Amino acid sequence: MKHTLSTEKRAALAAALSGFFLSEFEEQLSEFRANEIVEFLIKEIGPAQYNKGIADAHKFISDKLEDLDAEFYQTE
């Protein structure tokens, strides 16, 4: 599955990254470089974060289903 972000979100991330580089490293990033770093991070980190989110949601739902089972189970 391809991970996408809106144009606005990408621009906000690039701006935040530029601000971070300026404050932490005193280095000015061009808009191009900031956008390239954002793209790289999306490709490299995005899939792992997506999969972690899916796994967390799966565990949450599974736990809730177990709770329902325990609460409403009737002995025969």
PDB file of N, CA and C in Angstrom:
ATOM      1  N   MET A   1       0.847  -1.175   0.000  1.00  0.00           N
ATOM      2  CA  MET A   1       0.000   0.000   0.000  1.00  0.00           C
ATOM      3  C   MET A   1       0.891   1.236   0.000  1.00  0.00           C
ATOM      4  N   LYS A   2       0.568   2.172  -0.861  1.00  0.00           N
ATOM      5  CA  LYS A   2       1.332   3.415  -0.937  1.00  0.00           C
ATOM      6  C   LYS A   2       0.839   4.368   0.146  1.00  0.00           C
ATOM      7  N   HIS A   3       1.781   4.963   0.845  1.00  0.00           N
ATOM      8  CA  HIS A   3       1.467   5.896   1.918  1.00  0.00           C
ATOM      9  C   HIS A   3       1.511   7.313   1.356  1.00  0.00           C
ATOM     10  N   THR A   4       0.440   8.027   1.539  1.00  0.00           N
ATOM     11  CA  THR A   4       0.373   9.372   0.992  1.00  0.00           C
ATOM     12  C   THR A   4       0.008  10.374   2.082  1.00  0.00           C
ATOM     13  N   LEU A   5       0.467  11.574   1.885  1.00  0.00           N
ATOM     14  CA  LEU A   5       0.102  12.696   2.735  1.00  0.00           C
ATOM     15  C   LEU A   5      -0.397  13.811   1.827  1.00  0.00           C
ATOM     16  N   SER A   6      -1.273  14.627   2.369  1.00  0.00           N
ATOM     17  CA  SER A   6      -1.781  15.749   1.581  1.00  0.00           C
ATOM     18  C   SER A   6      -0.642  16.730   1.293  1.00  0.00           C
ATOM     19  N   THR A   7      -0.833  17.538   0.276  1.00  0.00           N
ATOM     20  CA  THR A   7       0.144  18.562  -0.080  1.00  0.00           C
ATOM     21  C   THR A   7       0.377  19.508   1.090  1.00  0.00           C
ATOM     22  N   GLU A   8      -0.693  19.841   1.795  1.00  0.00           N
ATOM     23  CA  GLU A   8      -0.585  20.749   2.933  1.00  0.00           C
ATOM     24  C   GLU A   8       0.237  20.127   4.053  1.00  0.00           C
ATOM     25  N   LYS A   9       0.010  18.845   4.329  1.00  0.00           N
ATOM     26  CA  LYS A   9       0.744  18.163   5.393  1.00  0.00           C
ATOM     27  C   LYS A   9       2.223  18.035   5.032  1.00  0.00           C
ATOM     28  N   ARG A  10       2.508  17.710   3.769  1.00  0.00           N
ATOM     29  CA  ARG A  10       3.907  17.630   3.330  1.00  0.00           C
ATOM     30  C   ARG A  10       4.606  18.979   3.484  1.00  0.00           C
ATOM     31  N   ALA A  11       3.917  20.050   3.104  1.00  0.00           N
ATOM     32  CA  ALA A  11       4.499  21.392   3.219  1.00  0.00           C
ATOM     33  C   ALA A  11       4.736  21.748   4.687  1.00  0.00           C
ATOM     34  N   ALA A  12       3.802  21.381   5.552  1.00  0.00           N
ATOM     35  CA  ALA A  12       3.960  21.657   6.983  1.00  0.00           C
ATOM     36  C   ALA A  12       5.144  20.877   7.553  1.00  0.00           C
ATOM     37  N   LEU A  13       5.299  19.627   7.158  1.00  0.00           N
ATOM     38  CA  LEU A  13       6.435  18.830   7.620  1.00  0.00           C
ATOM     39  C   LEU A  13       7.755  19.395   7.120  1.00  0.00           C
ATOM     40  N   ALA A  14       7.787  19.809   5.854  1.00  0.00           N
ATOM     41  CA  ALA A  14       9.007  20.401   5.291  1.00  0.00           C
ATOM     42  C   ALA A  14       9.359  21.689   6.025  1.00  0.00           C
ATOM     43  N   ALA A  15       8.357  22.501   6.336  1.00  0.00           N
ATOM     44  CA  ALA A  15       8.609  23.747   7.070  1.00  0.00           C
ATOM     45  C   ALA A  15       9.110  23.454   8.479  1.00  0.00           C
ATOM     46  N   ALA A  16       8.518  22.467   9.137  1.00  0.00           N
ATOM     47  CA  ALA A  16       8.962  22.088  10.476  1.00  0.00           C
ATOM     48  C   ALA A  16      10.389  21.555  10.437  1.00  0.00           C
ATOM     49  N   LEU A  17      10.699  20.769   9.428  1.00  0.00           N
ATOM     50  CA  LEU A  17      12.048  20.236   9.272  1.00  0.00           C
ATOM     51  C   LEU A  17      13.052  21.365   9.034  1.00  0.00           C
ATOM     52  N   SER A  18      12.683  22.320   8.213  1.00  0.00           N
ATOM     53  CA  SER A  18      13.561  23.476   7.974  1.00  0.00           C
ATOM     54  C   SER A  18      13.806  24.245   9.260  1.00  0.00           C
ATOM     55  N   GLY A  19      12.754  24.452  10.031  1.00  0.00           N
ATOM     56  CA  GLY A  19      12.892  25.143  11.309  1.00  0.00           C
ATOM     57  C   GLY A  19      13.769  24.372  12.283  1.00  0.00           C
ATOM     58  N   PHE A  20      13.618  23.058  12.298  1.00  0.00           N
ATOM     59  CA  PHE A  20      14.431  22.209  13.163  1.00  0.00           C
ATOM     60  C   PHE A  20      15.904  22.309  12.788  1.00  0.00           C
ATOM     61  N   PHE A  21      16.209  22.202  11.504  1.00  0.00           N
ATOM     62  CA  PHE A  21      17.600  22.288  11.056  1.00  0.00           C
ATOM     63  C   PHE A  21      18.201  23.649  11.391  1.00  0.00           C
ATOM     64  N   LEU A  22      17.398  24.688  11.255  1.00  0.00           N
ATOM     65  CA  LEU A  22      17.901  26.024  11.552  1.00  0.00           C
ATOM     66  C   LEU A  22      18.186  26.186  13.044  1.00  0.00           C
ATOM     67  N   SER A  23      17.269  25.727  13.882  1.00  0.00           N
ATOM     68  CA  SER A  23      17.451  25.920  15.322  1.00  0.00           C
ATOM     69  C   SER A  23      18.474  24.966  15.921  1.00  0.00           C
ATOM     70  N   GLU A  24      18.532  23.747  15.439  1.00  0.00           N
ATOM     71  CA  GLU A  24      19.434  22.756  16.032  1.00  0.00           C
ATOM     72  C   GLU A  24      20.830  22.742  15.418  1.00  0.00           C
ATOM     73  N   PHE A  25      20.917  22.991  14.128  1.00  0.00           N
ATOM     74  CA  PHE A  25      22.194  22.869  13.431  1.00  0.00           C
ATOM     75  C   PHE A  25      22.672  24.175  12.802  1.00  0.00           C
ATOM     76  N   GLU A  26      21.844  25.214  12.950  1.00  0.00           N
ATOM     77  CA  GLU A  26      22.141  26.509  12.326  1.00  0.00           C
ATOM     78  C   GLU A  26      22.430  26.355  10.839  1.00  0.00           C
ATOM     79  N   GLU A  27      21.629  25.512  10.214  1.00  0.00           N
ATOM     80  CA  GLU A  27      21.765  25.252   8.776  1.00  0.00           C
ATOM     81  C   GLU A  27      20.429  25.542   8.097  1.00  0.00           C
ATOM     82  N   GLN A  28      20.483  26.325   7.062  1.00  0.00           N
ATOM     83  CA  GLN A  28      19.284  26.668   6.294  1.00  0.00           C
ATOM     84  C   GLN A  28      19.059  25.590   5.231  1.00  0.00           C
ATOM     85  N   LEU A  29      17.903  24.947   5.277  1.00  0.00           N
ATOM     86  CA  LEU A  29      17.551  23.971   4.252  1.00  0.00           C
ATOM     87  C   LEU A  29      16.746  24.655   3.162  1.00  0.00           C
ATOM     88  N   SER A  30      17.065  24.345   1.925  1.00  0.00           N
ATOM     89  CA  SER A  30      16.229  24.850   0.837  1.00  0.00           C
ATOM     90  C   SER A  30      14.905  24.093   0.862  1.00  0.00           C
ATOM     91  N   GLU A  31      13.918  24.669   0.232  1.00  0.00           N
ATOM     92  CA  GLU A  31      12.617  24.010   0.156  1.00  0.00           C
ATOM     93  C   GLU A  31      12.751  22.651  -0.520  1.00  0.00           C
ATOM     94  N   PHE A  32      13.570  22.588  -1.576  1.00  0.00           N
ATOM     95  CA  PHE A  32      13.800  21.332  -2.291  1.00  0.00           C
ATOM     96  C   PHE A  32      14.386  20.264  -1.361  1.00  0.00           C
ATOM     97  N   ARG A  33      15.432  20.633  -0.615  1.00  0.00           N
ATOM     98  CA  ARG A  33      16.083  19.664   0.270  1.00  0.00           C
ATOM     99  C   ARG A  33      15.135  19.199   1.373  1.00  0.00           C
ATOM    100  N   ALA A  34      14.379  20.127   1.939  1.00  0.00           N
ATOM    101  CA  ALA A  34      13.424  19.765   2.987  1.00  0.00           C
ATOM    102  C   ALA A  34      12.379  18.799   2.445  1.00  0.00           C
ATOM    103  N   ASN A  35      11.878  19.079   1.239  1.00  0.00           N
ATOM    104  CA  ASN A  35      10.885  18.187   0.635  1.00  0.00           C
ATOM    105  C   ASN A  35      11.474  16.811   0.325  1.00  0.00           C
ATOM    106  N   GLU A  36      12.715  16.767  -0.113  1.00  0.00           N
ATOM    107  CA  GLU A  36      13.369  15.483  -0.405  1.00  0.00           C
ATOM    108  C   GLU A  36      13.556  14.657   0.865  1.00  0.00           C
ATOM    109  N   ILE A  37      13.904  15.318   1.972  1.00  0.00           N
ATOM    110  CA  ILE A  37      14.049  14.603   3.242  1.00  0.00           C
ATOM    111  C   ILE A  37      12.697  14.066   3.708  1.00  0.00           C
ATOM    112  N   VAL A  38      11.655  14.871   3.567  1.00  0.00           N
ATOM    113  CA  VAL A  38      10.307  14.414   3.932  1.00  0.00           C
ATOM    114  C   VAL A  38       9.930  13.189   3.096  1.00  0.00           C
ATOM    115  N   GLU A  39      10.174  13.231   1.798  1.00  0.00           N
ATOM    116  CA  GLU A  39       9.871  12.087   0.932  1.00  0.00           C
ATOM    117  C   GLU A  39      10.639  10.843   1.368  1.00  0.00           C
ATOM    118  N   PHE A  40      11.912  11.021   1.671  1.00  0.00           N
ATOM    119  CA  PHE A  40      12.745   9.907   2.121  1.00  0.00           C
ATOM    120  C   PHE A  40      12.180   9.294   3.400  1.00  0.00           C
ATOM    121  N   LEU A  41      11.839  10.140   4.361  1.00  0.00           N
ATOM    122  CA  LEU A  41      11.308   9.645   5.630  1.00  0.00           C
ATOM    123  C   LEU A  41       9.983   8.918   5.441  1.00  0.00           C
ATOM    124  N   ILE A  42       9.135   9.435   4.567  1.00  0.00           N
ATOM    125  CA  ILE A  42       7.861   8.769   4.298  1.00  0.00           C
ATOM    126  C   ILE A  42       8.110   7.372   3.735  1.00  0.00           C
ATOM    127  N   LYS A  43       9.050   7.266   2.808  1.00  0.00           N
ATOM    128  CA  LYS A  43       9.349   5.967   2.187  1.00  0.00           C
ATOM    129  C   LYS A  43      10.008   5.003   3.156  1.00  0.00           C
ATOM    130  N   GLU A  44      10.908   5.509   3.995  1.00  0.00           N
ATOM    131  CA  GLU A  44      11.685   4.636   4.869  1.00  0.00           C
ATOM    132  C   GLU A  44      10.998   4.326   6.199  1.00  0.00           C
ATOM    133  N   ILE A  45      10.331   5.300   6.782  1.00  0.00           N
ATOM    134  CA  ILE A  45       9.723   5.120   8.099  1.00  0.00           C
ATOM    135  C   ILE A  45       8.221   4.858   8.006  1.00  0.00           C
ATOM    136  N   GLY A  46       7.600   5.408   6.986  1.00  0.00           N
ATOM    137  CA  GLY A  46       6.149   5.309   6.839  1.00  0.00           C
ATOM    138  C   GLY A  46       5.595   3.897   6.922  1.00  0.00           C
ATOM    139  N   PRO A  47       6.130   2.938   6.159  1.00  0.00           N
ATOM    140  CA  PRO A  47       5.565   1.585   6.206  1.00  0.00           C
ATOM    141  C   PRO A  47       5.622   0.946   7.597  1.00  0.00           C
ATOM    142  N   ALA A  48       6.725   1.123   8.310  1.00  0.00           N
ATOM    143  CA  ALA A  48       6.841   0.540   9.648  1.00  0.00           C
ATOM    144  C   ALA A  48       5.834   1.180  10.603  1.00  0.00           C
ATOM    145  N   GLN A  49       5.659   2.495  10.515  1.00  0.00           N
ATOM    146  CA  GLN A  49       4.707   3.182  11.379  1.00  0.00           C
ATOM    147  C   GLN A  49       3.271   2.784  11.042  1.00  0.00           C
ATOM    148  N   TYR A  50       2.990   2.640   9.765  1.00  0.00           N
ATOM    149  CA  TYR A  50       1.662   2.195   9.332  1.00  0.00           C
ATOM    150  C   TYR A  50       1.367   0.805   9.887  1.00  0.00           C
ATOM    151  N   ASN A  51       2.329  -0.103   9.723  1.00  0.00           N
ATOM    152  CA  ASN A  51       2.136  -1.477  10.205  1.00  0.00           C
ATOM    153  C   ASN A  51       1.973  -1.515  11.720  1.00  0.00           C
ATOM    154  N   LYS A  52       2.717  -0.680  12.436  1.00  0.00           N
ATOM    155  CA  LYS A  52       2.584  -0.610  13.888  1.00  0.00           C
ATOM    156  C   LYS A  52       1.196  -0.120  14.274  1.00  0.00           C
ATOM    157  N   GLY A  53       0.690   0.860  13.567  1.00  0.00           N
ATOM    158  CA  GLY A  53      -0.663   1.352  13.829  1.00  0.00           C
ATOM    159  C   GLY A  53      -1.711   0.287  13.600  1.00  0.00           C
ATOM    160  N   ILE A  54      -1.560  -0.480  12.526  1.00  0.00           N
ATOM    161  CA  ILE A  54      -2.495  -1.568  12.238  1.00  0.00           C
ATOM    162  C   ILE A  54      -2.420  -2.629  13.327  1.00  0.00           C
ATOM    163  N   ALA A  55      -1.198  -2.986  13.753  1.00  0.00           N
ATOM    164  CA  ALA A  55      -1.022  -3.993  14.804  1.00  0.00           C
ATOM    165  C   ALA A  55      -1.632  -3.513  16.125  1.00  0.00           C
ATOM    166  N   ASP A  56      -1.432  -2.246  16.453  1.00  0.00           N
ATOM    167  CA  ASP A  56      -2.007  -1.688  17.683  1.00  0.00           C
ATOM    168  C   ASP A  56      -3.534  -1.716  17.631  1.00  0.00           C
ATOM    169  N   ALA A  57      -4.103  -1.338  16.488  1.00  0.00           N
ATOM    170  CA  ALA A  57      -5.559  -1.352  16.336  1.00  0.00           C
ATOM    171  C   ALA A  57      -6.101  -2.782  16.433  1.00  0.00           C
ATOM    172  N   HIS A  58      -5.397  -3.725  15.831  1.00  0.00           N
ATOM    173  CA  HIS A  58      -5.808  -5.129  15.878  1.00  0.00           C
ATOM    174  C   HIS A  58      -5.807  -5.635  17.319  1.00  0.00           C
ATOM    175  N   LYS A  59      -4.762  -5.315  18.065  1.00  0.00           N
ATOM    176  CA  LYS A  59      -4.684  -5.747  19.462  1.00  0.00           C
ATOM    177  C   LYS A  59      -5.804  -5.102  20.283  1.00  0.00           C
ATOM    178  N   PHE A  60      -6.051  -3.829  20.073  1.00  0.00           N
ATOM    179  CA  PHE A  60      -7.094  -3.126  20.805  1.00  0.00           C
ATOM    180  C   PHE A  60      -8.451  -3.787  20.568  1.00  0.00           C
ATOM    181  N   ILE A  61      -8.765  -4.051  19.305  1.00  0.00           N
ATOM    182  CA  ILE A  61     -10.050  -4.670  18.979  1.00  0.00           C
ATOM    183  C   ILE A  61     -10.133  -6.085  19.535  1.00  0.00           C
ATOM    184  N   SER A  62      -9.046  -6.839  19.423  1.00  0.00           N
ATOM    185  CA  SER A  62      -9.025  -8.201  19.970  1.00  0.00           C
ATOM    186  C   SER A  62      -9.255  -8.191  21.475  1.00  0.00           C
ATOM    187  N   ASP A  63      -8.609  -7.270  22.175  1.00  0.00           N
ATOM    188  CA  ASP A  63      -8.792  -7.162  23.627  1.00  0.00           C
ATOM    189  C   ASP A  63     -10.234  -6.822  23.972  1.00  0.00           C
ATOM    190  N   LYS A  64     -10.844  -5.920  23.207  1.00  0.00           N
ATOM    191  CA  LYS A  64     -12.236  -5.553  23.467  1.00  0.00           C
ATOM    192  C   LYS A  64     -13.172  -6.735  23.216  1.00  0.00           C
ATOM    193  N   LEU A  65     -12.888  -7.518  22.187  1.00  0.00           N
ATOM    194  CA  LEU A  65     -13.714  -8.706  21.913  1.00  0.00           C
ATOM    195  C   LEU A  65     -13.586  -9.728  23.036  1.00  0.00           C
ATOM    196  N   GLU A  66     -12.389  -9.884  23.581  1.00  0.00           N
ATOM    197  CA  GLU A  66     -12.207 -10.790  24.710  1.00  0.00           C
ATOM    198  C   GLU A  66     -12.985 -10.292  25.922  1.00  0.00           C
ATOM    199  N   ASP A  67     -12.984  -8.975  26.150  1.00  0.00           N
ATOM    200  CA  ASP A  67     -13.748  -8.398  27.251  1.00  0.00           C
ATOM    201  C   ASP A  67     -15.237  -8.693  27.083  1.00  0.00           C
ATOM    202  N   LEU A  68     -15.728  -8.556  25.867  1.00  0.00           N
ATOM    203  CA  LEU A  68     -17.144  -8.850  25.602  1.00  0.00           C
ATOM    204  C   LEU A  68     -17.451 -10.304  25.881  1.00  0.00           C
ATOM    205  N   ASP A  69     -16.580 -11.170  25.453  1.00  0.00           N
ATOM    206  CA  ASP A  69     -16.750 -12.601  25.669  1.00  0.00           C
ATOM    207  C   ASP A  69     -16.859 -12.900  27.163  1.00  0.00           C
ATOM    208  N   ALA A  70     -15.958 -12.357  27.949  1.00  0.00           N
ATOM    209  CA  ALA A  70     -15.943 -12.613  29.387  1.00  0.00           C
ATOM    210  C   ALA A  70     -17.180 -12.026  30.079  1.00  0.00           C
ATOM    211  N   GLU A  71     -17.610 -10.859  29.611  1.00  0.00           N
ATOM    212  CA  GLU A  71     -18.721 -10.196  30.274  1.00  0.00           C
ATOM    213  C   GLU A  71     -20.077 -10.813  29.956  1.00  0.00           C
ATOM    214  N   PHE A  72     -20.247 -11.295  28.745  1.00  0.00           N
ATOM    215  CA  PHE A  72     -21.565 -11.764  28.333  1.00  0.00           C
ATOM    216  C   PHE A  72     -21.675 -13.277  28.196  1.00  0.00           C
ATOM    217  N   TYR A  73     -20.625 -14.002  28.469  1.00  0.00           N
ATOM    218  CA  TYR A  73     -20.663 -15.448  28.350  1.00  0.00           C
ATOM    219  C   TYR A  73     -21.594 -16.022  29.426  1.00  0.00           C
ATOM    220  N   GLN A  74     -22.475 -16.892  29.007  1.00  0.00           N
ATOM    221  CA  GLN A  74     -23.409 -17.552  29.909  1.00  0.00           C
ATOM    222  C   GLN A  74     -23.019 -19.015  30.056  1.00  0.00           C
ATOM    223  N   THR A  75     -22.908 -19.484  31.281  1.00  0.00           N
ATOM    224  CA  THR A  75     -22.626 -20.904  31.480  1.00  0.00           C
ATOM    225  C   THR A  75     -23.866 -21.698  31.125  1.00  0.00           C
ATOM    226  N   GLU A  76     -23.632 -22.899  30.650  1.00  0.00           N
ATOM    227  CA  GLU A  76     -24.771 -23.743  30.228  1.00  0.00           C
ATOM    228  C   GLU A  76     -25.031 -24.818  31.256  1.00  0.00           C
TER     229      GLU A  76
END
